[in-house]
Amino acid sequence: MNIYFAGSIRGGRNDQELYASIISELQKYGTVLTEHIGHKSLGIDGEMKYTDKEIYEKDVKLIAEADLVVAEVTNVSLGVGYELGHSESLKKPVVCLFREIDGKKLSAMINGNSYFKVLVYTDLEDASNKLKEFFNK
């Protein structure tokens, strides 16, 4: 199974370590096409060796190749929102992980869309358990 993982880059890299851990969990279930999202070397400016157009073209190609899209949506990101909409237009199954923390609310455009499977979690262990449950169904 090919899994496209989406997480904030230019919207903020505060959750980079969490992304790396989630990607490790997802690798139990398939090949993560975007494991670079969890790398410490990837900063808020994104992939510096590519132009924005090259990043866009690469990402839409990878979404097309994916069997499943998993997005960590706690941190607001225009790019992740676009990836989710594009995934839905391609009829790709989508799982959104949202961490319950003070002051954060999930966008109504995500939470109100029944196409997306939203998994609300509190910490990495909880996210791992919910992903395991999802993949075992």
N, C-alpha and C. Protein backbone atom coordinates (compact mmCIF):
# COMPACT_ATOMS: atom_id res chain seq x y z
N MET A 1 0.84 -1.18 0.00
CA MET A 1 0.00 0.00 0.00
C MET A 1 0.89 1.24 0.00
N ASN A 2 0.59 2.17 -0.89
CA ASN A 2 1.29 3.45 -0.94
C ASN A 2 0.50 4.48 -0.15
N ILE A 3 1.17 5.12 0.80
CA ILE A 3 0.52 6.11 1.68
C ILE A 3 1.17 7.47 1.46
N TYR A 4 0.34 8.45 1.19
CA TYR A 4 0.80 9.84 1.09
C TYR A 4 0.53 10.49 2.43
N PHE A 5 1.58 10.94 3.11
CA PHE A 5 1.42 11.64 4.39
C PHE A 5 1.54 13.13 4.15
N ALA A 6 0.58 13.89 4.68
CA ALA A 6 0.59 15.34 4.57
C ALA A 6 0.69 15.96 5.95
N GLY A 7 1.56 16.95 6.05
CA GLY A 7 1.73 17.70 7.30
C GLY A 7 2.25 19.08 6.96
N SER A 8 2.10 19.99 7.89
CA SER A 8 2.48 21.37 7.67
C SER A 8 3.98 21.53 7.43
N ILE A 9 4.31 22.35 6.44
CA ILE A 9 5.70 22.74 6.20
C ILE A 9 5.78 24.26 6.34
N ARG A 10 5.31 24.98 5.36
CA ARG A 10 5.39 26.43 5.42
C ARG A 10 4.43 27.03 6.45
N GLY A 11 3.44 26.26 6.86
CA GLY A 11 2.52 26.71 7.90
C GLY A 11 3.11 26.58 9.30
N GLY A 12 4.30 25.99 9.40
CA GLY A 12 4.96 25.83 10.69
C GLY A 12 5.45 24.41 10.88
N ARG A 13 6.64 24.27 11.44
CA ARG A 13 7.27 22.96 11.62
C ARG A 13 7.31 22.51 13.08
N ASN A 14 6.46 23.10 13.93
CA ASN A 14 6.45 22.76 15.35
C ASN A 14 6.20 21.27 15.61
N ASP A 15 5.49 20.60 14.71
CA ASP A 15 5.13 19.20 14.92
C ASP A 15 6.00 18.23 14.12
N GLN A 16 7.17 18.67 13.68
CA GLN A 16 8.04 17.83 12.86
C GLN A 16 8.35 16.50 13.53
N GLU A 17 8.69 16.49 14.81
CA GLU A 17 9.00 15.23 15.50
C GLU A 17 7.78 14.32 15.56
N LEU A 18 6.62 14.90 15.78
CA LEU A 18 5.38 14.13 15.77
C LEU A 18 5.14 13.53 14.39
N TYR A 19 5.36 14.32 13.34
CA TYR A 19 5.20 13.80 11.98
C TYR A 19 6.12 12.61 11.75
N ALA A 20 7.37 12.72 12.20
CA ALA A 20 8.33 11.63 12.03
C ALA A 20 7.82 10.36 12.72
N SER A 21 7.26 10.51 13.90
CA SER A 21 6.74 9.35 14.64
C SER A 21 5.52 8.76 13.96
N ILE A 22 4.63 9.60 13.46
CA ILE A 22 3.45 9.11 12.75
C ILE A 22 3.87 8.38 11.47
N ILE A 23 4.84 8.94 10.76
CA ILE A 23 5.34 8.30 9.55
C ILE A 23 5.91 6.92 9.88
N SER A 24 6.63 6.80 10.98
CA SER A 24 7.15 5.50 11.41
C SER A 24 6.02 4.51 11.65
N GLU A 25 4.95 4.98 12.26
CA GLU A 25 3.78 4.13 12.48
C GLU A 25 3.16 3.70 11.15
N LEU A 26 3.02 4.65 10.23
CA LEU A 26 2.40 4.35 8.93
C LEU A 26 3.23 3.35 8.13
N GLN A 27 4.54 3.35 8.33
CA GLN A 27 5.40 2.42 7.60
C GLN A 27 5.14 0.97 7.99
N LYS A 28 4.44 0.75 9.07
CA LYS A 28 4.02 -0.62 9.45
C LYS A 28 2.96 -1.14 8.49
N TYR A 29 2.27 -0.22 7.81
CA TYR A 29 1.14 -0.60 6.97
C TYR A 29 1.39 -0.42 5.48
N GLY A 30 2.50 0.20 5.13
CA GLY A 30 2.78 0.40 3.72
C GLY A 30 3.98 1.30 3.51
N THR A 31 4.16 1.71 2.28
CA THR A 31 5.26 2.60 1.90
C THR A 31 4.77 4.04 1.98
N VAL A 32 5.44 4.85 2.78
CA VAL A 32 5.09 6.26 2.89
C VAL A 32 5.85 7.02 1.80
N LEU A 33 5.11 7.56 0.88
CA LEU A 33 5.69 8.23 -0.29
C LEU A 33 6.32 9.58 0.06
N THR A 34 5.95 10.13 1.19
CA THR A 34 6.39 11.47 1.59
C THR A 34 7.05 11.44 2.96
N GLU A 35 7.93 10.48 3.17
CA GLU A 35 8.56 10.38 4.49
C GLU A 35 9.42 11.60 4.81
N HIS A 36 9.81 12.36 3.79
CA HIS A 36 10.63 13.56 4.01
C HIS A 36 9.91 14.61 4.87
N ILE A 37 8.58 14.53 4.96
CA ILE A 37 7.81 15.49 5.76
C ILE A 37 8.23 15.42 7.24
N GLY A 38 8.72 14.28 7.67
CA GLY A 38 9.15 14.12 9.05
C GLY A 38 10.61 14.44 9.30
N HIS A 39 11.39 14.72 8.26
CA HIS A 39 12.82 14.96 8.44
C HIS A 39 13.10 16.29 9.11
N LYS A 40 14.05 16.29 10.04
CA LYS A 40 14.47 17.52 10.72
C LYS A 40 15.06 18.53 9.76
N SER A 41 15.69 18.05 8.70
CA SER A 41 16.35 18.94 7.74
C SER A 41 15.36 19.76 6.92
N LEU A 42 14.10 19.36 6.91
CA LEU A 42 13.08 20.09 6.16
C LEU A 42 12.56 21.23 7.02
N GLY A 43 12.90 22.45 6.66
CA GLY A 43 12.50 23.61 7.44
C GLY A 43 11.24 24.26 6.92
N ILE A 44 10.90 25.38 7.50
CA ILE A 44 9.68 26.11 7.15
C ILE A 44 9.68 26.59 5.70
N ASP A 45 10.86 26.71 5.09
CA ASP A 45 10.93 27.12 3.69
C ASP A 45 10.68 25.97 2.73
N GLY A 46 10.59 24.76 3.25
CA GLY A 46 10.29 23.62 2.40
C GLY A 46 11.52 23.05 1.72
N GLU A 47 11.29 22.36 0.64
CA GLU A 47 12.35 21.70 -0.11
C GLU A 47 13.05 22.73 -0.99
N MET A 48 14.18 23.19 -0.55
CA MET A 48 14.88 24.30 -1.20
C MET A 48 15.45 23.92 -2.57
N LYS A 49 15.67 22.65 -2.81
CA LYS A 49 16.27 22.27 -4.09
C LYS A 49 15.25 22.21 -5.24
N TYR A 50 13.97 22.44 -4.92
CA TYR A 50 12.92 22.42 -5.93
C TYR A 50 12.23 23.78 -5.99
N THR A 51 11.73 24.12 -7.17
CA THR A 51 10.89 25.30 -7.29
C THR A 51 9.49 24.95 -6.76
N ASP A 52 8.70 25.97 -6.50
CA ASP A 52 7.33 25.72 -6.06
C ASP A 52 6.56 24.90 -7.08
N LYS A 53 6.78 25.18 -8.37
CA LYS A 53 6.09 24.43 -9.42
C LYS A 53 6.50 22.95 -9.39
N GLU A 54 7.79 22.69 -9.18
CA GLU A 54 8.27 21.30 -9.11
C GLU A 54 7.68 20.58 -7.90
N ILE A 55 7.59 21.28 -6.78
CA ILE A 55 6.99 20.68 -5.58
C ILE A 55 5.53 20.34 -5.85
N TYR A 56 4.80 21.26 -6.43
CA TYR A 56 3.40 21.03 -6.75
C TYR A 56 3.25 19.81 -7.66
N GLU A 57 4.03 19.78 -8.75
CA GLU A 57 3.92 18.68 -9.71
C GLU A 57 4.28 17.35 -9.08
N LYS A 58 5.32 17.34 -8.24
CA LYS A 58 5.73 16.10 -7.57
C LYS A 58 4.63 15.63 -6.61
N ASP A 59 4.08 16.56 -5.84
CA ASP A 59 3.08 16.18 -4.84
C ASP A 59 1.78 15.69 -5.47
N VAL A 60 1.30 16.34 -6.52
CA VAL A 60 0.07 15.85 -7.14
C VAL A 60 0.30 14.49 -7.80
N LYS A 61 1.50 14.26 -8.31
CA LYS A 61 1.83 12.95 -8.88
C LYS A 61 1.83 11.88 -7.79
N LEU A 62 2.42 12.20 -6.63
CA LEU A 62 2.46 11.24 -5.53
C LEU A 62 1.07 10.96 -4.97
N ILE A 63 0.23 11.98 -4.91
CA ILE A 63 -1.15 11.75 -4.45
C ILE A 63 -1.86 10.80 -5.42
N ALA A 64 -1.64 10.98 -6.71
CA ALA A 64 -2.25 10.10 -7.72
C ALA A 64 -1.78 8.66 -7.56
N GLU A 65 -0.52 8.47 -7.12
CA GLU A 65 0.04 7.13 -6.93
C GLU A 65 -0.38 6.49 -5.61
N ALA A 66 -0.88 7.29 -4.70
CA ALA A 66 -1.21 6.79 -3.36
C ALA A 66 -2.49 5.98 -3.34
N ASP A 67 -2.50 4.99 -2.46
CA ASP A 67 -3.71 4.23 -2.19
C ASP A 67 -4.51 4.86 -1.05
N LEU A 68 -3.82 5.64 -0.23
CA LEU A 68 -4.41 6.27 0.95
C LEU A 68 -3.67 7.56 1.24
N VAL A 69 -4.39 8.57 1.67
CA VAL A 69 -3.80 9.83 2.11
C VAL A 69 -4.07 9.97 3.60
N VAL A 70 -3.00 10.22 4.36
CA VAL A 70 -3.12 10.48 5.80
C VAL A 70 -2.56 11.86 6.04
N ALA A 71 -3.34 12.72 6.69
CA ALA A 71 -2.90 14.08 6.96
C ALA A 71 -3.00 14.39 8.44
N GLU A 72 -1.95 14.98 8.98
CA GLU A 72 -2.01 15.50 10.35
C GLU A 72 -2.48 16.94 10.19
N VAL A 73 -3.66 17.26 10.73
CA VAL A 73 -4.32 18.53 10.44
C VAL A 73 -4.44 19.46 11.64
N THR A 74 -3.70 19.18 12.70
CA THR A 74 -3.79 20.03 13.88
C THR A 74 -3.26 21.43 13.60
N ASN A 75 -2.13 21.50 12.92
CA ASN A 75 -1.53 22.79 12.56
C ASN A 75 -2.13 23.25 11.23
N VAL A 76 -2.68 24.44 11.22
CA VAL A 76 -3.34 24.96 10.01
C VAL A 76 -2.31 25.11 8.89
N SER A 77 -2.65 24.60 7.70
CA SER A 77 -1.76 24.66 6.55
C SER A 77 -2.57 24.72 5.27
N LEU A 78 -2.35 25.77 4.49
CA LEU A 78 -3.03 25.89 3.20
C LEU A 78 -2.67 24.73 2.28
N GLY A 79 -1.40 24.34 2.30
CA GLY A 79 -0.95 23.24 1.44
C GLY A 79 -1.64 21.93 1.77
N VAL A 80 -1.74 21.62 3.05
CA VAL A 80 -2.41 20.38 3.46
C VAL A 80 -3.88 20.44 3.06
N GLY A 81 -4.52 21.60 3.24
CA GLY A 81 -5.91 21.74 2.82
C GLY A 81 -6.08 21.48 1.33
N TYR A 82 -5.15 22.01 0.54
CA TYR A 82 -5.20 21.77 -0.90
C TYR A 82 -5.03 20.28 -1.20
N GLU A 83 -4.05 19.66 -0.54
CA GLU A 83 -3.81 18.23 -0.76
C GLU A 83 -5.05 17.40 -0.43
N LEU A 84 -5.76 17.79 0.62
CA LEU A 84 -6.98 17.05 0.99
C LEU A 84 -8.06 17.21 -0.07
N GLY A 85 -8.27 18.44 -0.54
CA GLY A 85 -9.26 18.65 -1.58
C GLY A 85 -8.91 17.92 -2.87
N HIS A 86 -7.63 17.96 -3.22
CA HIS A 86 -7.18 17.26 -4.43
C HIS A 86 -7.37 15.75 -4.27
N SER A 87 -7.06 15.24 -3.11
CA SER A 87 -7.23 13.80 -2.84
C SER A 87 -8.69 13.39 -2.97
N GLU A 88 -9.57 14.21 -2.43
CA GLU A 88 -11.00 13.92 -2.53
C GLU A 88 -11.43 13.93 -3.99
N SER A 89 -10.93 14.88 -4.78
CA SER A 89 -11.32 14.96 -6.19
C SER A 89 -10.87 13.72 -6.96
N LEU A 90 -9.79 13.10 -6.50
CA LEU A 90 -9.29 11.87 -7.13
C LEU A 90 -9.91 10.60 -6.51
N LYS A 91 -10.81 10.80 -5.56
CA LYS A 91 -11.48 9.69 -4.86
C LYS A 91 -10.51 8.82 -4.08
N LYS A 92 -9.46 9.44 -3.55
CA LYS A 92 -8.51 8.74 -2.69
C LYS A 92 -9.07 8.69 -1.28
N PRO A 93 -8.99 7.55 -0.60
CA PRO A 93 -9.41 7.53 0.81
C PRO A 93 -8.51 8.46 1.62
N VAL A 94 -9.12 9.20 2.56
CA VAL A 94 -8.38 10.19 3.34
C VAL A 94 -8.65 10.01 4.83
N VAL A 95 -7.57 9.95 5.60
CA VAL A 95 -7.65 9.93 7.06
C VAL A 95 -7.01 11.22 7.56
N CYS A 96 -7.74 11.94 8.41
CA CYS A 96 -7.21 13.17 9.01
C CYS A 96 -6.99 12.92 10.50
N LEU A 97 -5.79 13.19 10.95
CA LEU A 97 -5.44 13.06 12.37
C LEU A 97 -5.47 14.45 12.99
N PHE A 98 -6.30 14.61 14.04
CA PHE A 98 -6.39 15.89 14.73
C PHE A 98 -6.12 15.68 16.21
N ARG A 99 -5.12 16.39 16.70
CA ARG A 99 -4.72 16.27 18.11
C ARG A 99 -5.51 17.27 18.95
N GLU A 100 -6.17 16.75 19.97
CA GLU A 100 -6.92 17.61 20.88
C GLU A 100 -5.96 18.32 21.82
N ILE A 101 -5.79 19.61 21.60
CA ILE A 101 -4.98 20.43 22.50
C ILE A 101 -5.69 21.76 22.69
N ASP A 102 -5.41 22.41 23.82
CA ASP A 102 -6.06 23.67 24.15
C ASP A 102 -5.93 24.70 23.04
N GLY A 103 -7.03 25.33 22.72
CA GLY A 103 -7.01 26.42 21.76
C GLY A 103 -7.10 26.01 20.31
N LYS A 104 -7.06 24.74 20.01
CA LYS A 104 -7.11 24.29 18.61
C LYS A 104 -8.51 23.76 18.30
N LYS A 105 -9.01 24.16 17.16
CA LYS A 105 -10.29 23.64 16.67
C LYS A 105 -10.07 23.17 15.24
N LEU A 106 -10.64 22.06 14.92
CA LEU A 106 -10.53 21.53 13.57
C LEU A 106 -11.42 22.32 12.63
N SER A 107 -10.90 22.64 11.46
CA SER A 107 -11.66 23.37 10.46
C SER A 107 -12.98 22.66 10.15
N ALA A 108 -14.04 23.45 10.05
CA ALA A 108 -15.34 22.89 9.69
C ALA A 108 -15.33 22.26 8.31
N MET A 109 -14.45 22.75 7.43
CA MET A 109 -14.35 22.19 6.08
C MET A 109 -13.78 20.77 6.10
N ILE A 110 -13.06 20.44 7.13
CA ILE A 110 -12.55 19.07 7.30
C ILE A 110 -13.54 18.27 8.13
N ASN A 111 -13.86 18.78 9.31
CA ASN A 111 -14.72 18.06 10.24
C ASN A 111 -16.13 17.87 9.71
N GLY A 112 -16.60 18.82 8.90
CA GLY A 112 -17.95 18.72 8.37
C GLY A 112 -18.07 17.92 7.09
N ASN A 113 -16.95 17.47 6.55
CA ASN A 113 -16.95 16.72 5.29
C ASN A 113 -16.94 15.23 5.60
N SER A 114 -18.02 14.56 5.33
CA SER A 114 -18.13 13.14 5.67
C SER A 114 -17.21 12.26 4.81
N TYR A 115 -16.63 12.82 3.76
CA TYR A 115 -15.70 12.05 2.94
C TYR A 115 -14.45 11.71 3.73
N PHE A 116 -14.02 12.62 4.61
CA PHE A 116 -12.79 12.43 5.38
C PHE A 116 -13.08 11.62 6.65
N LYS A 117 -12.20 10.66 6.91
CA LYS A 117 -12.25 9.91 8.16
C LYS A 117 -11.38 10.67 9.15
N VAL A 118 -12.00 11.31 10.14
CA VAL A 118 -11.27 12.10 11.13
C VAL A 118 -11.03 11.26 12.37
N LEU A 119 -9.76 11.16 12.74
CA LEU A 119 -9.37 10.46 13.96
C LEU A 119 -8.83 11.50 14.94
N VAL A 120 -9.55 11.72 16.01
CA VAL A 120 -9.14 12.67 17.04
C VAL A 120 -8.30 11.91 18.06
N TYR A 121 -7.14 12.48 18.40
CA TYR A 121 -6.24 11.80 19.32
C TYR A 121 -5.65 12.78 20.32
N THR A 122 -5.05 12.24 21.38
CA THR A 122 -4.48 13.09 22.42
C THR A 122 -2.95 13.09 22.43
N ASP A 123 -2.36 11.96 22.05
CA ASP A 123 -0.89 11.84 22.04
C ASP A 123 -0.51 10.76 21.03
N LEU A 124 0.78 10.55 20.87
CA LEU A 124 1.26 9.61 19.85
C LEU A 124 0.74 8.20 20.08
N GLU A 125 0.71 7.76 21.32
CA GLU A 125 0.22 6.41 21.61
C GLU A 125 -1.24 6.28 21.18
N ASP A 126 -2.03 7.29 21.48
CA ASP A 126 -3.44 7.29 21.08
C ASP A 126 -3.57 7.28 19.55
N ALA A 127 -2.76 8.09 18.87
CA ALA A 127 -2.78 8.12 17.40
C ALA A 127 -2.41 6.75 16.84
N SER A 128 -1.39 6.13 17.42
CA SER A 128 -0.95 4.80 16.96
C SER A 128 -2.08 3.78 17.11
N ASN A 129 -2.75 3.83 18.24
CA ASN A 129 -3.87 2.89 18.47
C ASN A 129 -5.00 3.12 17.49
N LYS A 130 -5.30 4.38 17.21
CA LYS A 130 -6.40 4.68 16.29
C LYS A 130 -6.03 4.31 14.85
N LEU A 131 -4.77 4.49 14.48
CA LEU A 131 -4.34 4.06 13.16
C LEU A 131 -4.39 2.53 13.04
N LYS A 132 -3.95 1.85 14.08
CA LYS A 132 -3.99 0.38 14.09
C LYS A 132 -5.43 -0.11 13.91
N GLU A 133 -6.34 0.51 14.64
CA GLU A 133 -7.76 0.18 14.54
C GLU A 133 -8.27 0.41 13.12
N PHE A 134 -7.90 1.56 12.54
CA PHE A 134 -8.31 1.89 11.17
C PHE A 134 -7.81 0.86 10.17
N PHE A 135 -6.53 0.52 10.25
CA PHE A 135 -5.95 -0.40 9.28
C PHE A 135 -6.43 -1.84 9.47
N ASN A 136 -6.86 -2.19 10.67
CA ASN A 136 -7.32 -3.55 10.91
C ASN A 136 -8.80 -3.76 10.55
N LYS A 137 -9.46 -2.70 10.10
CA LYS A 137 -10.88 -2.84 9.70
C LYS A 137 -10.98 -3.34 8.28
